[in-house]
Amino acid sequence: MAEVKFLVVLPANPDESDRMSKLAIRGSLLQEPQQFSINFVNSPSCTDNITYHFKVKVPSQTIVENYKRNGEWSGSHQEKYLNIFDECFA
């Protein structure tokens, strides 16, 4: 899987409140992807701490959630969904 990184500082509009109630992420997957992940960090220069890690394992249709503190991953929470992408293509 090609590694593509994007960096966005939230909130993007400095005139808005520093609180957000919703966040939408939209993208395109390569043909027959195996997985993709989204990481929320407090500092992009510190990879030892990931505030929230969201990964989708496409073949098994599994969502994995966890975090990393001081280089150590937490225990992960996993859920399996049938037809995980149905909402995207409905």
PDB file of N, CA and C in Angstrom:
ATOM      1  N   MET A   1       0.843  -1.168   0.000  1.00  0.00           N
ATOM      2  CA  MET A   1       0.000   0.000   0.000  1.00  0.00           C
ATOM      3  C   MET A   1       0.886   1.229   0.000  1.00  0.00           C
ATOM      4  N   ALA A   2       0.622   2.133  -0.910  1.00  0.00           N
ATOM      5  CA  ALA A   2       1.388   3.369  -0.960  1.00  0.00           C
ATOM      6  C   ALA A   2       1.078   4.205   0.265  1.00  0.00           C
ATOM      7  N   GLU A   3       2.105   4.820   0.823  1.00  0.00           N
ATOM      8  CA  GLU A   3       1.908   5.644   2.010  1.00  0.00           C
ATOM      9  C   GLU A   3       1.783   7.098   1.575  1.00  0.00           C
ATOM     10  N   VAL A   4       0.612   7.656   1.776  1.00  0.00           N
ATOM     11  CA  VAL A   4       0.342   9.048   1.423  1.00  0.00           C
ATOM     12  C   VAL A   4      -0.037   9.769   2.702  1.00  0.00           C
ATOM     13  N   LYS A   5       0.661  10.854   3.012  1.00  0.00           N
ATOM     14  CA  LYS A   5       0.380  11.578   4.246  1.00  0.00           C
ATOM     15  C   LYS A   5      -0.179  12.954   3.934  1.00  0.00           C
ATOM     16  N   PHE A   6      -1.196  13.323   4.675  1.00  0.00           N
ATOM     17  CA  PHE A   6      -1.793  14.645   4.588  1.00  0.00           C
ATOM     18  C   PHE A   6      -1.777  15.239   5.980  1.00  0.00           C
ATOM     19  N   LEU A   7      -1.597  16.541   6.068  1.00  0.00           N
ATOM     20  CA  LEU A   7      -1.570  17.224   7.359  1.00  0.00           C
ATOM     21  C   LEU A   7      -2.571  18.362   7.323  1.00  0.00           C
ATOM     22  N   VAL A   8      -3.482  18.371   8.274  1.00  0.00           N
ATOM     23  CA  VAL A   8      -4.456  19.449   8.409  1.00  0.00           C
ATOM     24  C   VAL A   8      -4.478  19.861   9.865  1.00  0.00           C
ATOM     25  N   VAL A   9      -4.380  21.135  10.132  1.00  0.00           N
ATOM     26  CA  VAL A   9      -4.492  21.647  11.493  1.00  0.00           C
ATOM     27  C   VAL A   9      -5.944  22.037  11.711  1.00  0.00           C
ATOM     28  N   LEU A  10      -6.539  21.510  12.786  1.00  0.00           N
ATOM     29  CA  LEU A  10      -7.954  21.763  13.063  1.00  0.00           C
ATOM     30  C   LEU A  10      -8.109  22.711  14.244  1.00  0.00           C
ATOM     31  N   PRO A  11      -9.055  23.618  14.253  1.00  0.00           N
ATOM     32  CA  PRO A  11      -9.936  23.965  13.144  1.00  0.00           C
ATOM     33  C   PRO A  11      -9.177  24.720  12.063  1.00  0.00           C
ATOM     34  N   ALA A  12      -9.607  24.544  10.822  1.00  0.00           N
ATOM     35  CA  ALA A  12      -8.920  25.144   9.680  1.00  0.00           C
ATOM     36  C   ALA A  12      -9.192  26.636   9.568  1.00  0.00           C
ATOM     37  N   ASN A  13     -10.321  27.096  10.075  1.00  0.00           N
ATOM     38  CA  ASN A  13     -10.683  28.507  10.002  1.00  0.00           C
ATOM     39  C   ASN A  13     -10.422  29.155  11.360  1.00  0.00           C
ATOM     40  N   PRO A  14      -9.439  30.050  11.486  1.00  0.00           N
ATOM     41  CA  PRO A  14      -9.106  30.639  12.788  1.00  0.00           C
ATOM     42  C   PRO A  14     -10.225  31.504  13.367  1.00  0.00           C
ATOM     43  N   ASP A  15     -11.190  31.902  12.537  1.00  0.00           N
ATOM     44  CA  ASP A  15     -12.300  32.706  13.039  1.00  0.00           C
ATOM     45  C   ASP A  15     -13.329  31.863  13.785  1.00  0.00           C
ATOM     46  N   GLU A  16     -13.287  30.556  13.614  1.00  0.00           N
ATOM     47  CA  GLU A  16     -14.242  29.670  14.263  1.00  0.00           C
ATOM     48  C   GLU A  16     -13.759  29.304  15.658  1.00  0.00           C
ATOM     49  N   SER A  17     -14.671  28.793  16.449  1.00  0.00           N
ATOM     50  CA  SER A  17     -14.351  28.326  17.791  1.00  0.00           C
ATOM     51  C   SER A  17     -13.306  27.215  17.708  1.00  0.00           C
ATOM     52  N   ASP A  18     -12.581  27.004  18.787  1.00  0.00           N
ATOM     53  CA  ASP A  18     -11.583  25.935  18.773  1.00  0.00           C
ATOM     54  C   ASP A  18     -12.202  24.571  19.042  1.00  0.00           C
ATOM     55  N   ARG A  19     -13.522  24.506  19.157  1.00  0.00           N
ATOM     56  CA  ARG A  19     -14.204  23.238  19.368  1.00  0.00           C
ATOM     57  C   ARG A  19     -14.900  22.795  18.092  1.00  0.00           C
ATOM     58  N   MET A  20     -14.851  21.509  17.846  1.00  0.00           N
ATOM     59  CA  MET A  20     -15.518  20.939  16.679  1.00  0.00           C
ATOM     60  C   MET A  20     -16.465  19.856  17.162  1.00  0.00           C
ATOM     61  N   SER A  21     -17.612  19.740  16.525  1.00  0.00           N
ATOM     62  CA  SER A  21     -18.549  18.687  16.894  1.00  0.00           C
ATOM     63  C   SER A  21     -18.614  17.599  15.827  1.00  0.00           C
ATOM     64  N   LYS A  22     -18.170  17.906  14.598  1.00  0.00           N
ATOM     65  CA  LYS A  22     -18.181  16.919  13.525  1.00  0.00           C
ATOM     66  C   LYS A  22     -16.950  17.081  12.656  1.00  0.00           C
ATOM     67  N   LEU A  23     -16.527  15.973  12.092  1.00  0.00           N
ATOM     68  CA  LEU A  23     -15.401  15.983  11.173  1.00  0.00           C
ATOM     69  C   LEU A  23     -15.698  14.964  10.083  1.00  0.00           C
ATOM     70  N   ALA A  24     -15.616  15.393   8.852  1.00  0.00           N
ATOM     71  CA  ALA A  24     -15.825  14.489   7.719  1.00  0.00           C
ATOM     72  C   ALA A  24     -14.511  14.353   6.963  1.00  0.00           C
ATOM     73  N   ILE A  25     -14.149  13.139   6.656  1.00  0.00           N
ATOM     74  CA  ILE A  25     -12.934  12.859   5.887  1.00  0.00           C
ATOM     75  C   ILE A  25     -13.361  12.097   4.643  1.00  0.00           C
ATOM     76  N   ARG A  26     -12.966  12.604   3.508  1.00  0.00           N
ATOM     77  CA  ARG A  26     -13.346  11.979   2.243  1.00  0.00           C
ATOM     78  C   ARG A  26     -12.082  11.716   1.442  1.00  0.00           C
ATOM     79  N   GLY A  27     -12.021  10.580   0.807  1.00  0.00           N
ATOM     80  CA  GLY A  27     -10.856  10.251  -0.002  1.00  0.00           C
ATOM     81  C   GLY A  27     -11.193   9.139  -0.974  1.00  0.00           C
ATOM     82  N   SER A  28     -10.225   8.760  -1.741  1.00  0.00           N
ATOM     83  CA  SER A  28     -10.380   7.673  -2.705  1.00  0.00           C
ATOM     84  C   SER A  28      -9.369   6.591  -2.380  1.00  0.00           C
ATOM     85  N   LEU A  29      -9.810   5.343  -2.490  1.00  0.00           N
ATOM     86  CA  LEU A  29      -8.918   4.222  -2.243  1.00  0.00           C
ATOM     87  C   LEU A  29      -8.369   3.706  -3.561  1.00  0.00           C
ATOM     88  N   LEU A  30      -7.181   3.165  -3.498  1.00  0.00           N
ATOM     89  CA  LEU A  30      -6.606   2.508  -4.659  1.00  0.00           C
ATOM     90  C   LEU A  30      -7.416   1.246  -4.953  1.00  0.00           C
ATOM     91  N   GLN A  31      -7.273   0.707  -6.137  1.00  0.00           N
ATOM     92  CA  GLN A  31      -8.005  -0.499  -6.492  1.00  0.00           C
ATOM     93  C   GLN A  31      -7.546  -1.665  -5.616  1.00  0.00           C
ATOM     94  N   GLU A  32      -8.495  -2.398  -5.063  1.00  0.00           N
ATOM     95  CA  GLU A  32      -8.260  -3.539  -4.184  1.00  0.00           C
ATOM     96  C   GLU A  32      -7.340  -3.202  -3.000  1.00  0.00           C
ATOM     97  N   PRO A  33      -7.704  -2.202  -2.198  1.00  0.00           N
ATOM     98  CA  PRO A  33      -6.863  -1.841  -1.046  1.00  0.00           C
ATOM     99  C   PRO A  33      -6.923  -2.919   0.032  1.00  0.00           C
ATOM    100  N   GLN A  34      -5.850  -3.063   0.784  1.00  0.00           N
ATOM    101  CA  GLN A  34      -5.808  -4.007   1.893  1.00  0.00           C
ATOM    102  C   GLN A  34      -6.202  -3.326   3.205  1.00  0.00           C
ATOM    103  N   GLN A  35      -5.776  -2.064   3.371  1.00  0.00           N
ATOM    104  CA  GLN A  35      -6.092  -1.323   4.591  1.00  0.00           C
ATOM    105  C   GLN A  35      -5.825   0.158   4.383  1.00  0.00           C
ATOM    106  N   PHE A  36      -6.392   0.956   5.267  1.00  0.00           N
ATOM    107  CA  PHE A  36      -6.042   2.366   5.347  1.00  0.00           C
ATOM    108  C   PHE A  36      -6.220   2.808   6.785  1.00  0.00           C
ATOM    109  N   SER A  37      -5.531   3.882   7.168  1.00  0.00           N
ATOM    110  CA  SER A  37      -5.635   4.361   8.540  1.00  0.00           C
ATOM    111  C   SER A  37      -5.601   5.882   8.577  1.00  0.00           C
ATOM    112  N   ILE A  38      -6.139   6.398   9.668  1.00  0.00           N
ATOM    113  CA  ILE A  38      -6.164   7.836   9.948  1.00  0.00           C
ATOM    114  C   ILE A  38      -5.655   8.010  11.363  1.00  0.00           C
ATOM    115  N   ASN A  39      -4.683   8.903  11.554  1.00  0.00           N
ATOM    116  CA  ASN A  39      -4.117   9.171  12.875  1.00  0.00           C
ATOM    117  C   ASN A  39      -4.360  10.622  13.258  1.00  0.00           C
ATOM    118  N   PHE A  40      -4.790  10.836  14.496  1.00  0.00           N
ATOM    119  CA  PHE A  40      -4.921  12.171  15.049  1.00  0.00           C
ATOM    120  C   PHE A  40      -3.798  12.341  16.062  1.00  0.00           C
ATOM    121  N   VAL A  41      -2.995  13.386  15.885  1.00  0.00           N
ATOM    122  CA  VAL A  41      -1.851  13.628  16.764  1.00  0.00           C
ATOM    123  C   VAL A  41      -1.874  15.069  17.254  1.00  0.00           C
ATOM    124  N   ASN A  42      -1.234  15.303  18.386  1.00  0.00           N
ATOM    125  CA  ASN A  42      -1.110  16.668  18.892  1.00  0.00           C
ATOM    126  C   ASN A  42       0.061  17.394  18.255  1.00  0.00           C
ATOM    127  N   SER A  43       1.043  16.640  17.807  1.00  0.00           N
ATOM    128  CA  SER A  43       2.211  17.224  17.158  1.00  0.00           C
ATOM    129  C   SER A  43       2.666  16.292  16.038  1.00  0.00           C
ATOM    130  N   PRO A  44       2.660  16.761  14.779  1.00  0.00           N
ATOM    131  CA  PRO A  44       3.075  15.880  13.680  1.00  0.00           C
ATOM    132  C   PRO A  44       4.542  15.472  13.752  1.00  0.00           C
ATOM    133  N   SER A  45       5.345  16.150  14.548  1.00  0.00           N
ATOM    134  CA  SER A  45       6.759  15.794  14.647  1.00  0.00           C
ATOM    135  C   SER A  45       7.013  14.705  15.694  1.00  0.00           C
ATOM    136  N   CYS A  46       6.000  14.336  16.468  1.00  0.00           N
ATOM    137  CA  CYS A  46       6.165  13.322  17.506  1.00  0.00           C
ATOM    138  C   CYS A  46       5.340  12.092  17.154  1.00  0.00           C
ATOM    139  N   THR A  47       5.986  11.052  16.640  1.00  0.00           N
ATOM    140  CA  THR A  47       5.270   9.838  16.262  1.00  0.00           C
ATOM    141  C   THR A  47       5.156   8.844  17.417  1.00  0.00           C
ATOM    142  N   ASP A  48       5.719   9.179  18.580  1.00  0.00           N
ATOM    143  CA  ASP A  48       5.602   8.307  19.749  1.00  0.00           C
ATOM    144  C   ASP A  48       4.239   8.429  20.423  1.00  0.00           C
ATOM    145  N   ASN A  49       3.485   9.482  20.076  1.00  0.00           N
ATOM    146  CA  ASN A  49       2.172   9.700  20.665  1.00  0.00           C
ATOM    147  C   ASN A  49       1.147   9.929  19.562  1.00  0.00           C
ATOM    148  N   ILE A  50       0.177   9.034  19.494  1.00  0.00           N
ATOM    149  CA  ILE A  50      -0.937   9.170  18.560  1.00  0.00           C
ATOM    150  C   ILE A  50      -2.193   9.203  19.422  1.00  0.00           C
ATOM    151  N   THR A  51      -2.898  10.322  19.388  1.00  0.00           N
ATOM    152  CA  THR A  51      -4.068  10.510  20.237  1.00  0.00           C
ATOM    153  C   THR A  51      -5.188   9.545  19.874  1.00  0.00           C
ATOM    154  N   TYR A  52      -5.394   9.323  18.585  1.00  0.00           N
ATOM    155  CA  TYR A  52      -6.444   8.396  18.126  1.00  0.00           C
ATOM    156  C   TYR A  52      -6.020   7.798  16.798  1.00  0.00           C
ATOM    157  N   HIS A  53      -6.059   6.477  16.723  1.00  0.00           N
ATOM    158  CA  HIS A  53      -5.679   5.734  15.516  1.00  0.00           C
ATOM    159  C   HIS A  53      -6.906   4.958  15.049  1.00  0.00           C
ATOM    160  N   PHE A  54      -7.291   5.162  13.790  1.00  0.00           N
ATOM    161  CA  PHE A  54      -8.448   4.509  13.192  1.00  0.00           C
ATOM    162  C   PHE A  54      -7.966   3.780  11.951  1.00  0.00           C
ATOM    163  N   LYS A  55      -8.113   2.463  11.922  1.00  0.00           N
ATOM    164  CA  LYS A  55      -7.649   1.665  10.782  1.00  0.00           C
ATOM    165  C   LYS A  55      -8.801   0.802  10.274  1.00  0.00           C
ATOM    166  N   VAL A  56      -8.894   0.693   8.964  1.00  0.00           N
ATOM    167  CA  VAL A  56      -9.855  -0.214   8.347  1.00  0.00           C
ATOM    168  C   VAL A  56      -9.068  -1.284   7.595  1.00  0.00           C
ATOM    169  N   LYS A  57      -9.307  -2.531   7.953  1.00  0.00           N
ATOM    170  CA  LYS A  57      -8.749  -3.671   7.233  1.00  0.00           C
ATOM    171  C   LYS A  57      -9.825  -4.095   6.234  1.00  0.00           C
ATOM    172  N   VAL A  58      -9.608  -3.781   4.983  1.00  0.00           N
ATOM    173  CA  VAL A  58     -10.643  -3.918   3.961  1.00  0.00           C
ATOM    174  C   VAL A  58     -11.061  -5.374   3.716  1.00  0.00           C
ATOM    175  N   PRO A  59     -10.140  -6.326   3.476  1.00  0.00           N
ATOM    176  CA  PRO A  59     -10.590  -7.689   3.170  1.00  0.00           C
ATOM    177  C   PRO A  59     -11.459  -8.309   4.277  1.00  0.00           C
ATOM    178  N   SER A  60     -11.108  -8.061   5.529  1.00  0.00           N
ATOM    179  CA  SER A  60     -11.877  -8.641   6.638  1.00  0.00           C
ATOM    180  C   SER A  60     -12.978  -7.704   7.128  1.00  0.00           C
ATOM    181  N   GLN A  61     -13.082  -6.517   6.524  1.00  0.00           N
ATOM    182  CA  GLN A  61     -14.070  -5.507   6.893  1.00  0.00           C
ATOM    183  C   GLN A  61     -14.071  -5.274   8.402  1.00  0.00           C
ATOM    184  N   THR A  62     -12.871  -5.029   8.936  1.00  0.00           N
ATOM    185  CA  THR A  62     -12.674  -4.821  10.363  1.00  0.00           C
ATOM    186  C   THR A  62     -12.200  -3.400  10.620  1.00  0.00           C
ATOM    187  N   ILE A  63     -12.776  -2.776  11.636  1.00  0.00           N
ATOM    188  CA  ILE A  63     -12.342  -1.452  12.084  1.00  0.00           C
ATOM    189  C   ILE A  63     -11.534  -1.641  13.363  1.00  0.00           C
ATOM    190  N   VAL A  64     -10.355  -1.016  13.416  1.00  0.00           N
ATOM    191  CA  VAL A  64      -9.486  -1.093  14.583  1.00  0.00           C
ATOM    192  C   VAL A  64      -9.310   0.324  15.124  1.00  0.00           C
ATOM    193  N   GLU A  65      -9.479   0.488  16.444  1.00  0.00           N
ATOM    194  CA  GLU A  65      -9.273   1.780  17.088  1.00  0.00           C
ATOM    195  C   GLU A  65      -8.330   1.592  18.270  1.00  0.00           C
ATOM    196  N   ASN A  66      -7.355   2.482  18.402  1.00  0.00           N
ATOM    197  CA  ASN A  66      -6.492   2.504  19.566  1.00  0.00           C
ATOM    198  C   ASN A  66      -5.695   3.798  19.586  1.00  0.00           C
ATOM    199  N   TYR A  67      -4.697   3.873  20.459  1.00  0.00           N
ATOM    200  CA  TYR A  67      -3.823   5.048  20.562  1.00  0.00           C
ATOM    201  C   TYR A  67      -2.422   4.591  20.936  1.00  0.00           C
ATOM    202  N   LYS A  68      -1.453   5.496  20.778  1.00  0.00           N
ATOM    203  CA  LYS A  68      -0.072   5.199  21.142  1.00  0.00           C
ATOM    204  C   LYS A  68       0.416   6.272  22.112  1.00  0.00           C
ATOM    205  N   ARG A  69       0.981   5.835  23.238  1.00  0.00           N
ATOM    206  CA  ARG A  69       1.527   6.764  24.231  1.00  0.00           C
ATOM    207  C   ARG A  69       2.967   6.366  24.545  1.00  0.00           C
ATOM    208  N   ASN A  70       3.875   7.317  24.410  1.00  0.00           N
ATOM    209  CA  ASN A  70       5.299   7.078  24.661  1.00  0.00           C
ATOM    210  C   ASN A  70       5.818   5.865  23.892  1.00  0.00           C
ATOM    211  N   GLY A  71       5.376   5.732  22.636  1.00  0.00           N
ATOM    212  CA  GLY A  71       5.850   4.661  21.773  1.00  0.00           C
ATOM    213  C   GLY A  71       5.172   3.322  21.986  1.00  0.00           C
ATOM    214  N   GLU A  72       4.270   3.205  22.945  1.00  0.00           N
ATOM    215  CA  GLU A  72       3.582   1.952  23.248  1.00  0.00           C
ATOM    216  C   GLU A  72       2.128   2.019  22.790  1.00  0.00           C
ATOM    217  N   TRP A  73       1.704   1.042  21.985  1.00  0.00           N
ATOM    218  CA  TRP A  73       0.318   0.981  21.537  1.00  0.00           C
ATOM    219  C   TRP A  73      -0.579   0.490  22.668  1.00  0.00           C
ATOM    220  N   SER A  74      -1.757   1.055  22.761  1.00  0.00           N
ATOM    221  CA  SER A  74      -2.756   0.580  23.718  1.00  0.00           C
ATOM    222  C   SER A  74      -3.377  -0.706  23.183  1.00  0.00           C
ATOM    223  N   GLY A  75      -4.147  -1.362  24.019  1.00  0.00           N
ATOM    224  CA  GLY A  75      -4.933  -2.495  23.531  1.00  0.00           C
ATOM    225  C   GLY A  75      -5.926  -1.972  22.510  1.00  0.00           C
ATOM    226  N   SER A  76      -6.145  -2.690  21.446  1.00  0.00           N
ATOM    227  CA  SER A  76      -7.017  -2.183  20.391  1.00  0.00           C
ATOM    228  C   SER A  76      -8.445  -2.649  20.585  1.00  0.00           C
ATOM    229  N   HIS A  77      -9.338  -1.857  20.083  1.00  0.00           N
ATOM    230  CA  HIS A  77     -10.762  -2.197  20.031  1.00  0.00           C
ATOM    231  C   HIS A  77     -11.056  -2.524  18.571  1.00  0.00           C
ATOM    232  N   GLN A  78     -11.606  -3.701  18.313  1.00  0.00           N
ATOM    233  CA  GLN A  78     -11.891  -4.109  16.937  1.00  0.00           C
ATOM    234  C   GLN A  78     -13.361  -4.455  16.792  1.00  0.00           C
ATOM    235  N   GLU A  79     -13.909  -4.066  15.657  1.00  0.00           N
ATOM    236  CA  GLU A  79     -15.283  -4.422  15.334  1.00  0.00           C
ATOM    237  C   GLU A  79     -15.340  -4.846  13.885  1.00  0.00           C
ATOM    238  N   LYS A  80     -16.145  -5.850  13.625  1.00  0.00           N
ATOM    239  CA  LYS A  80     -16.346  -6.307  12.246  1.00  0.00           C
ATOM    240  C   LYS A  80     -17.716  -5.863  11.780  1.00  0.00           C
ATOM    241  N   TYR A  81     -17.745  -5.352  10.576  1.00  0.00           N
ATOM    242  CA  TYR A  81     -18.979  -4.890   9.975  1.00  0.00           C
ATOM    243  C   TYR A  81     -19.164  -5.598   8.641  1.00  0.00           C
ATOM    244  N   LEU A  82     -20.372  -5.997   8.364  1.00  0.00           N
ATOM    245  CA  LEU A  82     -20.650  -6.547   7.048  1.00  0.00           C
ATOM    246  C   LEU A  82     -20.900  -5.391   6.093  1.00  0.00           C
ATOM    247  N   ASN A  83     -20.350  -5.476   4.915  1.00  0.00           N
ATOM    248  CA  ASN A  83     -20.556  -4.451   3.887  1.00  0.00           C
ATOM    249  C   ASN A  83     -20.206  -3.048   4.390  1.00  0.00           C
ATOM    250  N   ILE A  84     -19.006  -2.900   4.892  1.00  0.00           N
ATOM    251  CA  ILE A  84     -18.567  -1.646   5.508  1.00  0.00           C
ATOM    252  C   ILE A  84     -18.665  -0.445   4.571  1.00  0.00           C
ATOM    253  N   PHE A  85     -18.541  -0.671   3.272  1.00  0.00           N
ATOM    254  CA  PHE A  85     -18.561   0.441   2.328  1.00  0.00           C
ATOM    255  C   PHE A  85     -19.910   0.656   1.663  1.00  0.00           C
ATOM    256  N   ASP A  86     -20.931  -0.065   2.070  1.00  0.00           N
ATOM    257  CA  ASP A  86     -22.247   0.085   1.446  1.00  0.00           C
ATOM    258  C   ASP A  86     -22.768   1.514   1.508  1.00  0.00           C
ATOM    259  N   GLU A  87     -22.594   2.195   2.646  1.00  0.00           N
ATOM    260  CA  GLU A  87     -23.073   3.579   2.779  1.00  0.00           C
ATOM    261  C   GLU A  87     -22.389   4.501   1.774  1.00  0.00           C
ATOM    262  N   CYS A  88     -21.120   4.230   1.501  1.00  0.00           N
ATOM    263  CA  CYS A  88     -20.363   5.096   0.583  1.00  0.00           C
ATOM    264  C   CYS A  88     -20.883   4.997  -0.839  1.00  0.00           C
ATOM    265  N   PHE A  89     -21.403   3.837  -1.213  1.00  0.00           N
ATOM    266  CA  PHE A  89     -21.782   3.627  -2.600  1.00  0.00           C
ATOM    267  C   PHE A  89     -23.292   3.554  -2.797  1.00  0.00           C
ATOM    268  N   ALA A  90     -24.056   3.799  -1.739  1.00  0.00           N
ATOM    269  CA  ALA A  90     -25.516   3.720  -1.845  1.00  0.00           C
ATOM    270  C   ALA A  90     -26.080   4.913  -2.564  1.00  0.00           C
TER     271      ALA A  90
END
